[in-house]
PDB file of N, CA and C in Angstrom:
ATOM      1  N   UNK A   1     285.538 -77.561  40.126  1.00  0.00           N
ATOM      2  CA  UNK A   1     285.998 -76.203  40.353  1.00  0.00           C
ATOM      3  C   UNK A   1     285.272 -75.566  41.537  1.00  0.00           C
ATOM      4  N   UNK A   2     283.957 -75.838  41.634  1.00  0.00           N
ATOM      5  CA  UNK A   2     283.192 -75.297  42.750  1.00  0.00           C
ATOM      6  C   UNK A   2     283.730 -75.796  44.084  1.00  0.00           C
ATOM      7  N   UNK A   3     284.137 -77.079  44.126  1.00  0.00           N
ATOM      8  CA  UNK A   3     284.667 -77.656  45.362  1.00  0.00           C
ATOM      9  C   UNK A   3     285.956 -76.967  45.794  1.00  0.00           C
ATOM     10  N   UNK A   4     286.821 -76.661  44.851  1.00  0.00           N
ATOM     11  CA  UNK A   4     288.091 -75.996  45.181  1.00  0.00           C
ATOM     12  C   UNK A   4     287.808 -74.618  45.765  1.00  0.00           C
ATOM     13  N   UNK A   5     286.924 -73.862  45.163  1.00  0.00           N
ATOM     14  CA  UNK A   5     286.582 -72.532  45.670  1.00  0.00           C
ATOM     15  C   UNK A   5     285.927 -72.644  47.049  1.00  0.00           C
ATOM     16  N   UNK A   6     285.026 -73.584  47.203  1.00  0.00           N
ATOM     17  CA  UNK A   6     284.335 -73.773  48.478  1.00  0.00           C
ATOM     18  C   UNK A   6     285.330 -74.106  49.597  1.00  0.00           C
ATOM     19  N   UNK A   7     286.226 -75.079  49.367  1.00  0.00           N
ATOM     20  CA  UNK A   7     287.194 -75.478  50.387  1.00  0.00           C
ATOM     21  C   UNK A   7     288.225 -74.376  50.650  1.00  0.00           C
ATOM     22  N   UNK A   8     288.554 -73.605  49.640  1.00  0.00           N
ATOM     23  CA  UNK A   8     289.466 -72.478  49.831  1.00  0.00           C
ATOM     24  C   UNK A   8     288.827 -71.425  50.730  1.00  0.00           C
ATOM     25  N   UNK A   9     287.553 -71.137  50.485  1.00  0.00           N
ATOM     26  CA  UNK A   9     286.844 -70.164  51.330  1.00  0.00           C
ATOM     27  C   UNK A   9     286.714 -70.667  52.765  1.00  0.00           C
ATOM     28  N   UNK A  10     286.421 -71.940  52.942  1.00  0.00           N
ATOM     29  CA  UNK A  10     286.331 -72.516  54.294  1.00  0.00           C
ATOM     30  C   UNK A  10     287.681 -72.411  54.999  1.00  0.00           C
ATOM     31  N   UNK A  11     288.761 -72.761  54.304  1.00  0.00           N
ATOM     32  CA  UNK A  11     290.099 -72.690  54.895  1.00  0.00           C
ATOM     33  C   UNK A  11     290.450 -71.257  55.279  1.00  0.00           C
ATOM     34  N   UNK A  12     290.163 -70.297  54.415  1.00  0.00           N
ATOM     35  CA  UNK A  12     290.441 -68.893  54.738  1.00  0.00           C
ATOM     36  C   UNK A  12     289.624 -68.421  55.933  1.00  0.00           C
ATOM     37  N   UNK A  13     288.372 -68.837  55.998  1.00  0.00           N
ATOM     38  CA  UNK A  13     287.523 -68.469  57.128  1.00  0.00           C
ATOM     39  C   UNK A  13     288.088 -69.028  58.437  1.00  0.00           C
ATOM     40  N   UNK A  14     288.464 -70.301  58.427  1.00  0.00           N
ATOM     41  CA  UNK A  14     288.991 -70.923  59.650  1.00  0.00           C
ATOM     42  C   UNK A  14     290.315 -70.302  60.075  1.00  0.00           C
ATOM     43  N   UNK A  15     291.148 -69.959  59.136  1.00  0.00           N
ATOM     44  CA  UNK A  15     292.425 -69.328  59.457  1.00  0.00           C
ATOM     45  C   UNK A  15     292.257 -67.901  59.963  1.00  0.00           C
ATOM     46  N   UNK A  16     291.193 -67.250  59.559  1.00  0.00           N
ATOM     47  CA  UNK A  16     290.996 -65.856  59.966  1.00  0.00           C
ATOM     48  C   UNK A  16     290.296 -65.730  61.315  1.00  0.00           C
ATOM     49  N   UNK A  17     289.776 -66.825  61.842  1.00  0.00           N
ATOM     50  CA  UNK A  17     289.094 -66.758  63.140  1.00  0.00           C
ATOM     51  C   UNK A  17     290.080 -66.347  64.218  1.00  0.00           C
ATOM     52  N   UNK A  18     289.671 -65.432  65.031  1.00  0.00           N
ATOM     53  CA  UNK A  18     290.516 -64.957  66.122  1.00  0.00           C
ATOM     54  C   UNK A  18     290.579 -66.026  67.210  1.00  0.00           C
ATOM     55  N   UNK A  19     291.795 -66.394  67.565  1.00  0.00           N
ATOM     56  CA  UNK A  19     291.972 -67.371  68.644  1.00  0.00           C
ATOM     57  C   UNK A  19     291.987 -66.618  69.969  1.00  0.00           C
ATOM     58  N   UNK A  20     291.077 -66.981  70.843  1.00  0.00           N
ATOM     59  CA  UNK A  20     291.013 -66.339  72.152  1.00  0.00           C
ATOM     60  C   UNK A  20     291.789 -67.159  73.157  1.00  0.00           C
ATOM     61  N   UNK A  21     292.371 -66.446  74.110  1.00  0.00           N
ATOM     62  CA  UNK A  21     293.049 -67.134  75.197  1.00  0.00           C
ATOM     63  C   UNK A  21     292.013 -67.836  76.057  1.00  0.00           C
ATOM     64  N   UNK A  22     292.406 -68.942  76.676  1.00  0.00           N
ATOM     65  CA  UNK A  22     291.471 -69.574  77.616  1.00  0.00           C
ATOM     66  C   UNK A  22     291.237 -68.653  78.816  1.00  0.00           C
ATOM     67  N   UNK A  23     290.166 -68.890  79.545  1.00  0.00           N
ATOM     68  CA  UNK A  23     289.820 -68.052  80.690  1.00  0.00           C
ATOM     69  C   UNK A  23     290.928 -68.042  81.747  1.00  0.00           C
ATOM     70  N   UNK A  24     291.585 -69.183  81.926  1.00  0.00           N
ATOM     71  CA  UNK A  24     292.688 -69.262  82.878  1.00  0.00           C
ATOM     72  C   UNK A  24     293.684 -70.308  82.406  1.00  0.00           C
ATOM     73  N   UNK A  25     294.877 -70.241  82.979  1.00  0.00           N
ATOM     74  CA  UNK A  25     295.929 -71.222  82.731  1.00  0.00           C
ATOM     75  C   UNK A  25     296.406 -71.731  84.078  1.00  0.00           C
ATOM     76  N   UNK A  26     296.963 -72.917  84.092  1.00  0.00           N
ATOM     77  CA  UNK A  26     297.548 -73.472  85.311  1.00  0.00           C
ATOM     78  C   UNK A  26     299.061 -73.413  85.159  1.00  0.00           C
ATOM     79  N   UNK A  27     299.707 -72.664  86.047  1.00  0.00           N
ATOM     80  CA  UNK A  27     301.169 -72.585  86.054  1.00  0.00           C
ATOM     81  C   UNK A  27     301.682 -73.611  87.062  1.00  0.00           C
ATOM     82  N   UNK A  28     302.581 -74.470  86.617  1.00  0.00           N
ATOM     83  CA  UNK A  28     303.120 -75.521  87.480  1.00  0.00           C
ATOM     84  C   UNK A  28     304.604 -75.271  87.737  1.00  0.00           C
ATOM     85  N   UNK A  29     305.008 -75.499  88.990  1.00  0.00           N
ATOM     86  CA  UNK A  29     306.421 -75.398  89.349  1.00  0.00           C
ATOM     87  C   UNK A  29     306.712 -76.434  90.433  1.00  0.00           C
ATOM     88  N   UNK A  30     307.970 -76.784  90.569  1.00  0.00           N
ATOM     89  CA  UNK A  30     308.388 -77.800  91.532  1.00  0.00           C
ATOM     90  C   UNK A  30     309.306 -77.165  92.561  1.00  0.00           C
ATOM     91  N   UNK A  31     309.141 -77.603  93.832  1.00  0.00           N
ATOM     92  CA  UNK A  31     309.901 -77.030  94.933  1.00  0.00           C
ATOM     93  C   UNK A  31     310.282 -78.113  95.923  1.00  0.00           C
ATOM     94  N   UNK A  32     311.265 -77.799  96.747  1.00  0.00           N
ATOM     95  CA  UNK A  32     311.624 -78.652  97.875  1.00  0.00           C
ATOM     96  C   UNK A  32     311.289 -77.876  99.134  1.00  0.00           C
ATOM     97  N   UNK A  33     310.482 -78.479 100.004  1.00  0.00           N
ATOM     98  CA  UNK A  33     310.072 -77.862 101.260  1.00  0.00           C
ATOM     99  C   UNK A  33     310.548 -78.708 102.428  1.00  0.00           C
ATOM    100  N   UNK A  34     310.815 -78.026 103.542  1.00  0.00           N
ATOM    101  CA  UNK A  34     311.002 -78.692 104.822  1.00  0.00           C
ATOM    102  C   UNK A  34     309.776 -78.348 105.658  1.00  0.00           C
ATOM    103  N   UNK A  35     309.068 -79.379 106.124  1.00  0.00           N
ATOM    104  CA  UNK A  35     307.828 -79.191 106.885  1.00  0.00           C
ATOM    105  C   UNK A  35     308.079 -79.583 108.326  1.00  0.00           C
ATOM    106  N   UNK A  36     307.809 -78.648 109.252  1.00  0.00           N
ATOM    107  CA  UNK A  36     307.992 -78.909 110.680  1.00  0.00           C
ATOM    108  C   UNK A  36     307.100 -80.035 111.164  1.00  0.00           C
ATOM    109  N   UNK A  37     307.431 -80.559 112.329  1.00  0.00           N
ATOM    110  CA  UNK A  37     306.738 -81.723 112.860  1.00  0.00           C
ATOM    111  C   UNK A  37     305.486 -81.433 113.657  1.00  0.00           C
ATOM    112  N   UNK A  38     305.052 -80.181 113.739  1.00  0.00           N
ATOM    113  CA  UNK A  38     303.864 -79.848 114.517  1.00  0.00           C
ATOM    114  C   UNK A  38     302.985 -78.886 113.727  1.00  0.00           C
ATOM    115  N   UNK A  39     301.691 -79.113 113.786  1.00  0.00           N
ATOM    116  CA  UNK A  39     300.741 -78.199 113.156  1.00  0.00           C
ATOM    117  C   UNK A  39     300.516 -77.001 114.059  1.00  0.00           C
ATOM    118  N   UNK A  40     300.273 -75.848 113.472  1.00  0.00           N
ATOM    119  CA  UNK A  40     300.022 -74.619 114.224  1.00  0.00           C
ATOM    120  C   UNK A  40     298.598 -74.149 113.990  1.00  0.00           C
ATOM    121  N   UNK A  41     298.047 -73.453 114.958  1.00  0.00           N
ATOM    122  CA  UNK A  41     296.767 -72.775 114.764  1.00  0.00           C
ATOM    123  C   UNK A  41     297.063 -71.513 113.956  1.00  0.00           C
ATOM    124  N   UNK A  42     296.245 -71.243 112.971  1.00  0.00           N
ATOM    125  CA  UNK A  42     296.439 -70.017 112.196  1.00  0.00           C
ATOM    126  C   UNK A  42     295.089 -69.526 111.691  1.00  0.00           C
ATOM    127  N   UNK A  43     295.056 -68.284 111.299  1.00  0.00           N
ATOM    128  CA  UNK A  43     293.821 -67.699 110.788  1.00  0.00           C
ATOM    129  C   UNK A  43     294.147 -66.860 109.556  1.00  0.00           C
ATOM    130  N   UNK A  44     293.181 -66.822 108.643  1.00  0.00           N
ATOM    131  CA  UNK A  44     293.326 -66.062 107.412  1.00  0.00           C
ATOM    132  C   UNK A  44     292.137 -65.139 107.264  1.00  0.00           C
ATOM    133  N   UNK A  45     292.402 -63.929 106.799  1.00  0.00           N
ATOM    134  CA  UNK A  45     291.333 -62.983 106.518  1.00  0.00           C
ATOM    135  C   UNK A  45     290.758 -63.309 105.155  1.00  0.00           C
ATOM    136  N   UNK A  46     289.485 -63.615 105.099  1.00  0.00           N
ATOM    137  CA  UNK A  46     288.800 -63.912 103.847  1.00  0.00           C
ATOM    138  C   UNK A  46     287.745 -62.822 103.633  1.00  0.00           C
ATOM    139  N   UNK A  47     287.095 -62.845 102.480  1.00  0.00           N
ATOM    140  CA  UNK A  47     286.064 -61.847 102.186  1.00  0.00           C
ATOM    141  C   UNK A  47     284.891 -61.940 103.146  1.00  0.00           C
ATOM    142  N   UNK A  48     284.623 -63.157 103.636  1.00  0.00           N
ATOM    143  CA  UNK A  48     283.464 -63.355 104.507  1.00  0.00           C
ATOM    144  C   UNK A  48     283.820 -63.292 105.979  1.00  0.00           C
ATOM    145  N   UNK A  49     285.075 -63.051 106.317  1.00  0.00           N
ATOM    146  CA  UNK A  49     285.486 -62.967 107.717  1.00  0.00           C
ATOM    147  C   UNK A  49     286.808 -63.678 107.939  1.00  0.00           C
ATOM    148  N   UNK A  50     287.062 -64.029 109.191  1.00  0.00           N
ATOM    149  CA  UNK A  50     288.308 -64.694 109.572  1.00  0.00           C
ATOM    150  C   UNK A  50     288.093 -66.198 109.544  1.00  0.00           C
ATOM    151  N   UNK A  51     289.025 -66.891 108.956  1.00  0.00           N
ATOM    152  CA  UNK A  51     288.960 -68.336 108.794  1.00  0.00           C
ATOM    153  C   UNK A  51     290.026 -68.974 109.675  1.00  0.00           C
ATOM    154  N   UNK A  52     289.615 -69.774 110.657  1.00  0.00           N
ATOM    155  CA  UNK A  52     290.538 -70.461 111.567  1.00  0.00           C
ATOM    156  C   UNK A  52     290.820 -71.862 111.036  1.00  0.00           C
ATOM    157  N   UNK A  53     292.083 -72.280 111.079  1.00  0.00           N
ATOM    158  CA  UNK A  53     292.451 -73.617 110.606  1.00  0.00           C
ATOM    159  C   UNK A  53     293.785 -74.038 111.216  1.00  0.00           C
ATOM    160  N   UNK A  54     294.249 -75.194 110.843  1.00  0.00           N
ATOM    161  CA  UNK A  54     295.586 -75.680 111.217  1.00  0.00           C
ATOM    162  C   UNK A  54     296.499 -75.450 110.018  1.00  0.00           C
ATOM    163  N   UNK A  55     297.768 -75.187 110.317  1.00  0.00           N
ATOM    164  CA  UNK A  55     298.730 -74.905 109.260  1.00  0.00           C
ATOM    165  C   UNK A  55     300.016 -75.683 109.467  1.00  0.00           C
ATOM    166  N   UNK A  56     300.653 -75.981 108.336  1.00  0.00           N
ATOM    167  CA  UNK A  56     302.009 -76.524 108.360  1.00  0.00           C
ATOM    168  C   UNK A  56     302.975 -75.345 108.397  1.00  0.00           C
ATOM    169  N   UNK A  57     304.067 -75.488 109.136  1.00  0.00           N
ATOM    170  CA  UNK A  57     305.135 -74.494 109.091  1.00  0.00           C
ATOM    171  C   UNK A  57     306.161 -75.013 108.084  1.00  0.00           C
ATOM    172  N   UNK A  58     306.405 -74.221 107.043  1.00  0.00           N
ATOM    173  CA  UNK A  58     307.177 -74.676 105.890  1.00  0.00           C
ATOM    174  C   UNK A  58     308.370 -73.759 105.657  1.00  0.00           C
ATOM    175  N   UNK A  59     309.504 -74.355 105.284  1.00  0.00           N
ATOM    176  CA  UNK A  59     310.676 -73.597 104.853  1.00  0.00           C
ATOM    177  C   UNK A  59     310.990 -74.031 103.429  1.00  0.00           C
ATOM    178  N   UNK A  60     311.177 -73.064 102.532  1.00  0.00           N
ATOM    179  CA  UNK A  60     311.442 -73.396 101.125  1.00  0.00           C
ATOM    180  C   UNK A  60     312.933 -73.381 100.820  1.00  0.00           C
ATOM    181  N   UNK A  61     313.275 -73.560  99.523  1.00  0.00           N
ATOM    182  CA  UNK A  61     314.676 -73.623  99.091  1.00  0.00           C
ATOM    183  C   UNK A  61     315.440 -72.341  99.395  1.00  0.00           C
ATOM    184  N   UNK A  62     314.742 -71.215  99.410  1.00  0.00           N
ATOM    185  CA  UNK A  62     315.375 -69.915  99.668  1.00  0.00           C
ATOM    186  C   UNK A  62     315.488 -69.620 101.152  1.00  0.00           C
ATOM    187  N   UNK A  63     315.163 -70.602 101.989  1.00  0.00           N
ATOM    188  CA  UNK A  63     315.219 -70.494 103.447  1.00  0.00           C
ATOM    189  C   UNK A  63     314.188 -69.506 103.997  1.00  0.00           C
ATOM    190  N   UNK A  64     313.113 -69.277 103.246  1.00  0.00           N
ATOM    191  CA  UNK A  64     311.999 -68.461 103.728  1.00  0.00           C
ATOM    192  C   UNK A  64     311.010 -69.372 104.445  1.00  0.00           C
ATOM    193  N   UNK A  65     310.565 -68.956 105.618  1.00  0.00           N
ATOM    194  CA  UNK A  65     309.610 -69.743 106.395  1.00  0.00           C
ATOM    195  C   UNK A  65     308.241 -69.092 106.310  1.00  0.00           C
ATOM    196  N   UNK A  66     307.220 -69.911 106.090  1.00  0.00           N
ATOM    197  CA  UNK A  66     305.845 -69.422 105.999  1.00  0.00           C
ATOM    198  C   UNK A  66     304.905 -70.530 106.432  1.00  0.00           C
ATOM    199  N   UNK A  67     303.617 -70.214 106.510  1.00  0.00           N
ATOM    200  CA  UNK A  67     302.611 -71.199 106.906  1.00  0.00           C
ATOM    201  C   UNK A  67     301.704 -71.520 105.728  1.00  0.00           C
ATOM    202  N   UNK A  68     301.373 -72.791 105.609  1.00  0.00           N
ATOM    203  CA  UNK A  68     300.438 -73.250 104.587  1.00  0.00           C
ATOM    204  C   UNK A  68     299.276 -73.941 105.274  1.00  0.00           C
ATOM    205  N   UNK A  69     298.070 -73.527 104.945  1.00  0.00           N
ATOM    206  CA  UNK A  69     296.891 -74.166 105.513  1.00  0.00           C
ATOM    207  C   UNK A  69     296.818 -75.618 105.047  1.00  0.00           C
ATOM    208  N   UNK A  70     296.248 -76.463 105.892  1.00  0.00           N
ATOM    209  CA  UNK A  70     296.112 -77.882 105.564  1.00  0.00           C
ATOM    210  C   UNK A  70     295.429 -78.060 104.208  1.00  0.00           C
ATOM    211  N   UNK A  71     294.452 -77.231 103.900  1.00  0.00           N
ATOM    212  CA  UNK A  71     293.738 -77.340 102.637  1.00  0.00           C
ATOM    213  C   UNK A  71     294.547 -76.947 101.417  1.00  0.00           C
ATOM    214  N   UNK A  72     295.671 -76.229 101.614  1.00  0.00           N
ATOM    215  CA  UNK A  72     296.503 -75.784 100.488  1.00  0.00           C
ATOM    216  C   UNK A  72     297.656 -76.730 100.184  1.00  0.00           C
ATOM    217  N   UNK A  73     297.910 -77.702 101.082  1.00  0.00           N
ATOM    218  CA  UNK A  73     299.002 -78.655 100.889  1.00  0.00           C
ATOM    219  C   UNK A  73     298.455 -80.067 101.047  1.00  0.00           C
ATOM    220  N   UNK A  74     298.465 -80.823  99.985  1.00  0.00           N
ATOM    221  CA  UNK A  74     297.972 -82.200 100.027  1.00  0.00           C
ATOM    222  C   UNK A  74     299.139 -83.101 100.429  1.00  0.00           C
ATOM    223  N   UNK A  75     299.077 -83.587 101.684  1.00  0.00           N
ATOM    224  CA  UNK A  75     300.154 -84.416 102.229  1.00  0.00           C
ATOM    225  C   UNK A  75     299.521 -85.482 103.109  1.00  0.00           C
ATOM    226  N   UNK A  76     299.111 -86.568 102.498  1.00  0.00           N
ATOM    227  CA  UNK A  76     298.377 -87.622 103.197  1.00  0.00           C
ATOM    228  C   UNK A  76     299.226 -88.383 104.201  1.00  0.00           C
ATOM    229  N   UNK A  77     300.546 -88.458 103.992  1.00  0.00           N
ATOM    230  CA  UNK A  77     301.409 -89.269 104.851  1.00  0.00           C
ATOM    231  C   UNK A  77     301.951 -88.507 106.060  1.00  0.00           C
ATOM    232  N   UNK A  78     301.492 -87.266 106.276  1.00  0.00           N
ATOM    233  CA  UNK A  78     302.023 -86.444 107.373  1.00  0.00           C
ATOM    234  C   UNK A  78     301.712 -87.062 108.728  1.00  0.00           C
ATOM    235  N   UNK A  79     302.734 -87.115 109.597  1.00  0.00           N
ATOM    236  CA  UNK A  79     302.576 -87.548 110.986  1.00  0.00           C
ATOM    237  C   UNK A  79     303.203 -86.490 111.878  1.00  0.00           C
ATOM    238  N   UNK A  80     302.483 -86.091 112.909  1.00  0.00           N
ATOM    239  CA  UNK A  80     303.018 -85.141 113.880  1.00  0.00           C
ATOM    240  C   UNK A  80     304.236 -85.768 114.546  1.00  0.00           C
ATOM    241  N   UNK A  81     305.252 -84.943 114.826  1.00  0.00           N
ATOM    242  CA  UNK A  81     306.455 -85.418 115.503  1.00  0.00           C
ATOM    243  C   UNK A  81     307.603 -85.739 114.557  1.00  0.00           C
ATOM    244  N   UNK A  82     307.399 -85.540 113.277  1.00  0.00           N
ATOM    245  CA  UNK A  82     308.444 -85.774 112.281  1.00  0.00           C
ATOM    246  C   UNK A  82     308.649 -84.521 111.449  1.00  0.00           C
ATOM    247  N   UNK A  83     309.907 -84.250 111.125  1.00  0.00           N
ATOM    248  CA  UNK A  83     310.235 -83.162 110.200  1.00  0.00           C
ATOM    249  C   UNK A  83     310.460 -83.814 108.837  1.00  0.00           C
ATOM    250  N   UNK A  84     309.802 -83.270 107.833  1.00  0.00           N
ATOM    251  CA  UNK A  84     309.853 -83.833 106.497  1.00  0.00           C
ATOM    252  C   UNK A  84     310.567 -82.902 105.527  1.00  0.00           C
ATOM    253  N   UNK A  85     311.372 -83.472 104.670  1.00  0.00           N
ATOM    254  CA  UNK A  85     311.870 -82.771 103.490  1.00  0.00           C
ATOM    255  C   UNK A  85     311.145 -83.419 102.320  1.00  0.00           C
ATOM    256  N   UNK A  86     310.413 -82.606 101.555  1.00  0.00           N
ATOM    257  CA  UNK A  86     309.548 -83.151 100.514  1.00  0.00           C
ATOM    258  C   UNK A  86     309.729 -82.396  99.198  1.00  0.00           C
ATOM    259  N   UNK A  87     309.424 -83.082  98.137  1.00  0.00           N
ATOM    260  CA  UNK A  87     309.372 -82.487  96.798  1.00  0.00           C
ATOM    261  C   UNK A  87     307.902 -82.237  96.502  1.00  0.00           C
ATOM    262  N   UNK A  88     307.552 -80.995  96.138  1.00  0.00           N
ATOM    263  CA  UNK A  88     306.152 -80.640  95.922  1.00  0.00           C
ATOM    264  C   UNK A  88     305.941 -80.056  94.527  1.00  0.00           C
ATOM    265  N   UNK A  89     304.716 -80.243  94.064  1.00  0.00           N
ATOM    266  CA  UNK A  89     304.252 -79.610  92.836  1.00  0.00           C
ATOM    267  C   UNK A  89     303.340 -78.464  93.252  1.00  0.00           C
ATOM    268  N   UNK A  90     303.621 -77.278  92.731  1.00  0.00           N
ATOM    269  CA  UNK A  90     302.781 -76.105  92.992  1.00  0.00           C
ATOM    270  C   UNK A  90     301.961 -75.831  91.742  1.00  0.00           C
ATOM    271  N   UNK A  91     300.633 -75.752  91.915  1.00  0.00           N
ATOM    272  CA  UNK A  91     299.749 -75.407  90.811  1.00  0.00           C
ATOM    273  C   UNK A  91     299.061 -74.087  91.141  1.00  0.00           C
ATOM    274  N   UNK A  92     299.284 -73.091  90.293  1.00  0.00           N
ATOM    275  CA  UNK A  92     298.714 -71.762  90.489  1.00  0.00           C
ATOM    276  C   UNK A  92     297.825 -71.427  89.304  1.00  0.00           C
ATOM    277  N   UNK A  93     296.569 -71.091  89.591  1.00  0.00           N
ATOM    278  CA  UNK A  93     295.636 -70.707  88.536  1.00  0.00           C
ATOM    279  C   UNK A  93     295.901 -69.241  88.189  1.00  0.00           C
ATOM    280  N   UNK A  94     296.196 -68.990  86.910  1.00  0.00           N
ATOM    281  CA  UNK A  94     296.475 -67.644  86.415  1.00  0.00           C
ATOM    282  C   UNK A  94     295.322 -67.239  85.506  1.00  0.00           C
ATOM    283  N   UNK A  95     294.627 -66.172  85.859  1.00  0.00           N
ATOM    284  CA  UNK A  95     293.497 -65.698  85.057  1.00  0.00           C
ATOM    285  C   UNK A  95     293.981 -64.895  83.861  1.00  0.00           C
ATOM    286  N   UNK A  96     293.315 -65.061  82.749  1.00  0.00           N
ATOM    287  CA  UNK A  96     293.595 -64.273  81.548  1.00  0.00           C
ATOM    288  C   UNK A  96     292.534 -63.197  81.344  1.00  0.00           C
ATOM    289  N   UNK A  97     291.920 -62.787  82.423  1.00  0.00           N
ATOM    290  CA  UNK A  97     290.886 -61.755  82.403  1.00  0.00           C
ATOM    291  C   UNK A  97     290.908 -61.070  83.758  1.00  0.00           C
ATOM    292  N   UNK A  98     290.147 -60.006  83.889  1.00  0.00           N
ATOM    293  CA  UNK A  98     290.020 -59.330  85.173  1.00  0.00           C
ATOM    294  C   UNK A  98     289.234 -60.227  86.135  1.00  0.00           C
ATOM    295  N   UNK A  99     289.714 -60.395  87.372  1.00  0.00           N
ATOM    296  CA  UNK A  99     288.981 -61.242  88.323  1.00  0.00           C
ATOM    297  C   UNK A  99     287.701 -60.555  88.806  1.00  0.00           C
ATOM    298  N   UNK A 100     286.749 -61.384  89.193  1.00  0.00           N
ATOM    299  CA  UNK A 100     285.550 -60.855  89.831  1.00  0.00           C
ATOM    300  C   UNK A 100     285.926 -60.340  91.213  1.00  0.00           C
ATOM    301  N   UNK A 101     285.036 -59.598  91.844  1.00  0.00           N
ATOM    302  CA  UNK A 101     285.331 -58.934  93.113  1.00  0.00           C
ATOM    303  C   UNK A 101     285.803 -59.915  94.192  1.00  0.00           C
ATOM    304  N   UNK A 102     285.151 -61.051  94.339  1.00  0.00           N
ATOM    305  CA  UNK A 102     285.508 -61.978  95.414  1.00  0.00           C
ATOM    306  C   UNK A 102     286.263 -63.205  94.899  1.00  0.00           C
ATOM    307  N   UNK A 103     286.880 -63.096  93.742  1.00  0.00           N
ATOM    308  CA  UNK A 103     287.548 -64.237  93.120  1.00  0.00           C
ATOM    309  C   UNK A 103     289.050 -64.199  93.406  1.00  0.00           C
ATOM    310  N   UNK A 104     289.526 -65.182  94.143  1.00  0.00           N
ATOM    311  CA  UNK A 104     290.957 -65.312  94.402  1.00  0.00           C
ATOM    312  C   UNK A 104     291.341 -66.784  94.278  1.00  0.00           C
ATOM    313  N   UNK A 105     292.568 -67.017  93.919  1.00  0.00           N
ATOM    314  CA  UNK A 105     293.069 -68.381  93.783  1.00  0.00           C
ATOM    315  C   UNK A 105     294.422 -68.471  94.458  1.00  0.00           C
ATOM    316  N   UNK A 106     294.492 -69.243  95.517  1.00  0.00           N
ATOM    317  CA  UNK A 106     295.776 -69.454  96.163  1.00  0.00           C
ATOM    318  C   UNK A 106     296.439 -70.676  95.540  1.00  0.00           C
ATOM    319  N   UNK A 107     297.764 -70.714  95.562  1.00  0.00           N
ATOM    320  CA  UNK A 107     298.447 -71.878  94.993  1.00  0.00           C
ATOM    321  C   UNK A 107     298.078 -73.151  95.756  1.00  0.00           C
ATOM    322  N   UNK A 108     298.020 -74.255  95.049  1.00  0.00           N
ATOM    323  CA  UNK A 108     297.785 -75.556  95.660  1.00  0.00           C
ATOM    324  C   UNK A 108     299.077 -76.357  95.543  1.00  0.00           C
ATOM    325  N   UNK A 109     299.477 -76.977  96.651  1.00  0.00           N
ATOM    326  CA  UNK A 109     300.708 -77.753  96.695  1.00  0.00           C
ATOM    327  C   UNK A 109     300.369 -79.220  96.897  1.00  0.00           C
ATOM    328  N   UNK A 110     301.067 -80.080  96.169  1.00  0.00           N
ATOM    329  CA  UNK A 110     300.876 -81.521  96.272  1.00  0.00           C
ATOM    330  C   UNK A 110     302.235 -82.147  96.534  1.00  0.00           C
ATOM    331  N   UNK A 111     302.338 -82.924  97.624  1.00  0.00           N
ATOM    332  CA  UNK A 111     303.594 -83.603  97.919  1.00  0.00           C
ATOM    333  C   UNK A 111     303.741 -84.761  96.943  1.00  0.00           C
ATOM    334  N   UNK A 112     304.834 -84.737  96.204  1.00  0.00           N
ATOM    335  CA  UNK A 112     305.104 -85.784  95.222  1.00  0.00           C
ATOM    336  C   UNK A 112     305.974 -86.893  95.796  1.00  0.00           C
ATOM    337  N   UNK A 113     306.905 -86.485  96.684  1.00  0.00           N
ATOM    338  CA  UNK A 113     307.882 -87.448  97.194  1.00  0.00           C
ATOM    339  C   UNK A 113     308.409 -86.976  98.546  1.00  0.00           C
ATOM    340  N   UNK A 114     308.521 -87.898  99.478  1.00  0.00           N
ATOM    341  CA  UNK A 114     309.168 -87.608 100.758  1.00  0.00           C
ATOM    342  C   UNK A 114     310.645 -87.932 100.580  1.00  0.00           C
ATOM    343  N   UNK A 115     311.485 -86.916 100.687  1.00  0.00           N
ATOM    344  CA  UNK A 115     312.922 -87.099 100.504  1.00  0.00           C
ATOM    345  C   UNK A 115     313.605 -87.517 101.797  1.00  0.00           C
ATOM    346  N   UNK A 116     313.045 -87.032 102.932  1.00  0.00           N
ATOM    347  CA  UNK A 116     313.662 -87.305 104.232  1.00  0.00           C
ATOM    348  C   UNK A 116     312.595 -87.191 105.305  1.00  0.00           C
ATOM    349  N   UNK A 117     312.632 -88.080 106.304  1.00  0.00           N
ATOM    350  CA  UNK A 117     311.707 -88.048 107.421  1.00  0.00           C
ATOM    351  C   UNK A 117     312.518 -88.220 108.697  1.00  0.00           C
ATOM    352  N   UNK A 118     312.514 -87.176 109.549  1.00  0.00           N
ATOM    353  CA  UNK A 118     313.321 -87.180 110.776  1.00  0.00           C
ATOM    354  C   UNK A 118     312.418 -87.114 112.001  1.00  0.00           C
ATOM    355  N   UNK A 119     312.644 -87.983 112.966  1.00  0.00           N
ATOM    356  CA  UNK A 119     311.925 -87.963 114.236  1.00  0.00           C
ATOM    357  C   UNK A 119     312.427 -86.784 115.047  1.00  0.00           C
ATOM    358  N   UNK A 120     311.504 -86.013 115.621  1.00  0.00           N
ATOM    359  CA  UNK A 120     311.894 -84.860 116.464  1.00  0.00           C
ATOM    360  C   UNK A 120     312.028 -85.260 117.910  1.00  0.00           C
TER     361      UNK A 120
END
């Protein structure tokens, strides 16, 4: 009888524990991008100043054109002089709390598949 009461109390305690959300979640989505055949010089304003880098010129499914820094798009097979149509995975860190003052997370893109490669 003592065992039944003990295990019942343990079960009630475990069920009553408040489940907290994790600190962050990773939101994943898939996209098709067209990547131009030439890298561009670009700069980004960061908390510590201006950051100079090379960028890909990208057009998405909605025909919006934007630039992605080399560090934000993992594309090992890229060759200058070719226009690529690629399937990418976008991973965005979503915080479940208020961010710290200098805490930002930009989406990270990973090329999963080259759908088309055209010589320019």
